[in-house]
């Protein structure tokens, strides 16, 4: 697999989470374009509110709930609806899943996959 294909495959990689309500959540890391579109949906004022934006980014990382696809929100109202749908338990599960994926990625820093450290 060439480097471009490897980057594209990683961008499409989805993760799985289960929240404390037992819901299965499909999650993926947002790429630069996703973040840009989320900022556009939030508008100029909310884009500067780091707390709001952090919650919005967690919600926008969800691609499915219990096997049902969730489209990327494109308006402030859609972001708020998704946050309400996920609630604290869903958002906590997404945050933990993304943090765990980052920790796993950090263990491979400096080493190509398949090459011993």
C-alpha atoms as a PDB file:
ATOM      1  CA  UNK A   1       0.000   0.000   0.000  1.00  0.00           C
ATOM      2  CA  UNK A   2       1.462   3.380  -0.996  1.00  0.00           C
ATOM      3  CA  UNK A   3       1.679   6.282   1.497  1.00  0.00           C
ATOM      4  CA  UNK A   4      -1.330   8.129   0.075  1.00  0.00           C
ATOM      5  CA  UNK A   5      -3.525   5.053   0.276  1.00  0.00           C
ATOM      6  CA  UNK A   6      -2.340   4.469   3.839  1.00  0.00           C
ATOM      7  CA  UNK A   7      -3.314   8.037   4.862  1.00  0.00           C
ATOM      8  CA  UNK A   8      -6.707   7.727   3.176  1.00  0.00           C
ATOM      9  CA  UNK A   9      -7.378   4.391   4.846  1.00  0.00           C
ATOM     10  CA  UNK A  10      -6.477   5.827   8.254  1.00  0.00           C
ATOM     11  CA  UNK A  11      -8.839   8.760   7.668  1.00  0.00           C
ATOM     12  CA  UNK A  12     -11.708   6.367   6.991  1.00  0.00           C
ATOM     13  CA  UNK A  13     -10.918   4.149   9.992  1.00  0.00           C
ATOM     14  CA  UNK A  14     -13.796   3.884  12.386  1.00  0.00           C
ATOM     15  CA  UNK A  15     -13.684   3.048  16.049  1.00  0.00           C
ATOM     16  CA  UNK A  16     -16.316   1.454  18.252  1.00  0.00           C
ATOM     17  CA  UNK A  17     -17.599   2.609  21.612  1.00  0.00           C
ATOM     18  CA  UNK A  18     -20.342   1.484  23.937  1.00  0.00           C
ATOM     19  CA  UNK A  19     -21.781   4.077  26.297  1.00  0.00           C
ATOM     20  CA  UNK A  20     -23.165   3.439  29.792  1.00  0.00           C
ATOM     21  CA  UNK A  21     -26.667   3.226  28.307  1.00  0.00           C
ATOM     22  CA  UNK A  22     -25.512   0.249  26.217  1.00  0.00           C
ATOM     23  CA  UNK A  23     -25.648   2.087  22.897  1.00  0.00           C
ATOM     24  CA  UNK A  24     -23.119   1.061  20.272  1.00  0.00           C
ATOM     25  CA  UNK A  25     -21.426   4.111  18.759  1.00  0.00           C
ATOM     26  CA  UNK A  26     -19.372   4.241  15.587  1.00  0.00           C
ATOM     27  CA  UNK A  27     -16.731   6.946  15.932  1.00  0.00           C
ATOM     28  CA  UNK A  28     -14.028   8.393  13.724  1.00  0.00           C
ATOM     29  CA  UNK A  29     -11.424  11.083  14.111  1.00  0.00           C
ATOM     30  CA  UNK A  30     -12.346  14.281  12.330  1.00  0.00           C
ATOM     31  CA  UNK A  31     -10.037  15.308   9.510  1.00  0.00           C
ATOM     32  CA  UNK A  32      -9.137  18.890   8.569  1.00  0.00           C
ATOM     33  CA  UNK A  33     -12.063  19.237   6.148  1.00  0.00           C
ATOM     34  CA  UNK A  34     -14.519  17.909   8.749  1.00  0.00           C
ATOM     35  CA  UNK A  35     -13.246  20.474  11.261  1.00  0.00           C
ATOM     36  CA  UNK A  36     -13.509  23.288   8.717  1.00  0.00           C
ATOM     37  CA  UNK A  37     -17.098  22.333   7.916  1.00  0.00           C
ATOM     38  CA  UNK A  38     -17.942  22.111  11.610  1.00  0.00           C
ATOM     39  CA  UNK A  39     -16.566  25.622  12.174  1.00  0.00           C
ATOM     40  CA  UNK A  40     -18.714  26.849   9.297  1.00  0.00           C
ATOM     41  CA  UNK A  41     -21.790  25.183  10.796  1.00  0.00           C
ATOM     42  CA  UNK A  42     -21.057  26.704  14.206  1.00  0.00           C
ATOM     43  CA  UNK A  43     -20.737  30.211  12.850  1.00  0.00           C
ATOM     44  CA  UNK A  44     -18.197  32.861  13.786  1.00  0.00           C
ATOM     45  CA  UNK A  45     -19.345  33.430  17.372  1.00  0.00           C
ATOM     46  CA  UNK A  46     -19.604  29.789  18.487  1.00  0.00           C
ATOM     47  CA  UNK A  47     -16.385  28.891  16.665  1.00  0.00           C
ATOM     48  CA  UNK A  48     -14.549  31.017  19.226  1.00  0.00           C
ATOM     49  CA  UNK A  49     -16.221  29.301  22.190  1.00  0.00           C
ATOM     50  CA  UNK A  50     -13.749  26.495  22.962  1.00  0.00           C
ATOM     51  CA  UNK A  51     -16.022  24.646  25.401  1.00  0.00           C
ATOM     52  CA  UNK A  52     -18.935  24.583  22.935  1.00  0.00           C
ATOM     53  CA  UNK A  53     -16.673  23.640  20.061  1.00  0.00           C
ATOM     54  CA  UNK A  54     -15.105  20.777  22.022  1.00  0.00           C
ATOM     55  CA  UNK A  55     -18.494  19.210  22.688  1.00  0.00           C
ATOM     56  CA  UNK A  56     -19.536  19.803  19.067  1.00  0.00           C
ATOM     57  CA  UNK A  57     -16.396  18.053  17.795  1.00  0.00           C
ATOM     58  CA  UNK A  58     -17.076  15.017  19.984  1.00  0.00           C
ATOM     59  CA  UNK A  59     -20.640  14.803  18.672  1.00  0.00           C
ATOM     60  CA  UNK A  60     -19.549  15.289  15.051  1.00  0.00           C
ATOM     61  CA  UNK A  61     -17.138  12.352  15.454  1.00  0.00           C
ATOM     62  CA  UNK A  62     -20.091   9.969  15.775  1.00  0.00           C
ATOM     63  CA  UNK A  63     -20.880   8.237  12.491  1.00  0.00           C
ATOM     64  CA  UNK A  64     -23.481   5.745  13.730  1.00  0.00           C
ATOM     65  CA  UNK A  65     -25.627   4.926  16.740  1.00  0.00           C
ATOM     66  CA  UNK A  66     -26.747   1.318  17.195  1.00  0.00           C
ATOM     67  CA  UNK A  67     -25.850   0.565  13.574  1.00  0.00           C
ATOM     68  CA  UNK A  68     -27.840   3.489  12.163  1.00  0.00           C
ATOM     69  CA  UNK A  69     -25.695   5.990  10.218  1.00  0.00           C
ATOM     70  CA  UNK A  70     -25.477   9.518  11.601  1.00  0.00           C
ATOM     71  CA  UNK A  71     -24.752  12.227   9.020  1.00  0.00           C
ATOM     72  CA  UNK A  72     -22.214  14.938   9.753  1.00  0.00           C
ATOM     73  CA  UNK A  73     -24.093  17.942  11.175  1.00  0.00           C
ATOM     74  CA  UNK A  74     -24.015  20.984   8.907  1.00  0.00           C
ATOM     75  CA  UNK A  75     -25.952  23.516  10.991  1.00  0.00           C
ATOM     76  CA  UNK A  76     -25.839  24.712  14.581  1.00  0.00           C
ATOM     77  CA  UNK A  77     -29.263  23.163  15.161  1.00  0.00           C
ATOM     78  CA  UNK A  78     -28.110  19.754  13.866  1.00  0.00           C
ATOM     79  CA  UNK A  79     -25.080  19.905  16.165  1.00  0.00           C
ATOM     80  CA  UNK A  80     -27.307  20.649  19.163  1.00  0.00           C
ATOM     81  CA  UNK A  81     -29.742  17.864  18.254  1.00  0.00           C
ATOM     82  CA  UNK A  82     -26.898  15.351  18.020  1.00  0.00           C
ATOM     83  CA  UNK A  83     -25.414  16.510  21.340  1.00  0.00           C
ATOM     84  CA  UNK A  84     -28.844  16.126  22.936  1.00  0.00           C
ATOM     85  CA  UNK A  85     -29.253  12.680  21.412  1.00  0.00           C
ATOM     86  CA  UNK A  86     -25.874  11.498  22.706  1.00  0.00           C
ATOM     87  CA  UNK A  87     -26.130  13.091  26.130  1.00  0.00           C
ATOM     88  CA  UNK A  88     -23.360  13.022  28.705  1.00  0.00           C
ATOM     89  CA  UNK A  89     -22.951   9.244  28.566  1.00  0.00           C
ATOM     90  CA  UNK A  90     -22.580   9.123  24.801  1.00  0.00           C
ATOM     91  CA  UNK A  91     -20.179  12.058  24.725  1.00  0.00           C
ATOM     92  CA  UNK A  92     -18.102  10.523  27.530  1.00  0.00           C
ATOM     93  CA  UNK A  93     -17.820   7.256  25.582  1.00  0.00           C
ATOM     94  CA  UNK A  94     -16.759   9.121  22.432  1.00  0.00           C
ATOM     95  CA  UNK A  95     -14.157  11.148  24.337  1.00  0.00           C
ATOM     96  CA  UNK A  96     -12.683   8.031  25.957  1.00  0.00           C
ATOM     97  CA  UNK A  97     -12.574   6.151  22.641  1.00  0.00           C
ATOM     98  CA  UNK A  98     -10.806   9.001  20.850  1.00  0.00           C
ATOM     99  CA  UNK A  99      -8.367   9.471  23.748  1.00  0.00           C
ATOM    100  CA  UNK A 100      -7.571   5.749  23.726  1.00  0.00           C
ATOM    101  CA  UNK A 101      -6.972   5.853  19.955  1.00  0.00           C
ATOM    102  CA  UNK A 102      -4.570   8.764  20.468  1.00  0.00           C
ATOM    103  CA  UNK A 103      -2.720   6.854  23.208  1.00  0.00           C
ATOM    104  CA  UNK A 104      -2.430   3.833  20.895  1.00  0.00           C
ATOM    105  CA  UNK A 105      -1.131   6.040  18.074  1.00  0.00           C
ATOM    106  CA  UNK A 106       1.489   7.525  20.401  1.00  0.00           C
ATOM    107  CA  UNK A 107       2.967   4.078  21.038  1.00  0.00           C
ATOM    108  CA  UNK A 108       3.880   3.801  17.341  1.00  0.00           C
ATOM    109  CA  UNK A 109       5.511   7.235  17.036  1.00  0.00           C
ATOM    110  CA  UNK A 110       8.901   7.012  15.386  1.00  0.00           C
ATOM    111  CA  UNK A 111       8.427   3.431  14.251  1.00  0.00           C
ATOM    112  CA  UNK A 112       6.952   2.161  11.038  1.00  0.00           C
ATOM    113  CA  UNK A 113       4.374  -0.524  11.558  1.00  0.00           C
ATOM    114  CA  UNK A 114       5.965  -3.939  11.498  1.00  0.00           C
ATOM    115  CA  UNK A 115       9.441  -2.715  12.381  1.00  0.00           C
ATOM    116  CA  UNK A 116      10.584  -3.563  15.907  1.00  0.00           C
ATOM    117  CA  UNK A 117      11.649  -0.621  18.095  1.00  0.00           C
END
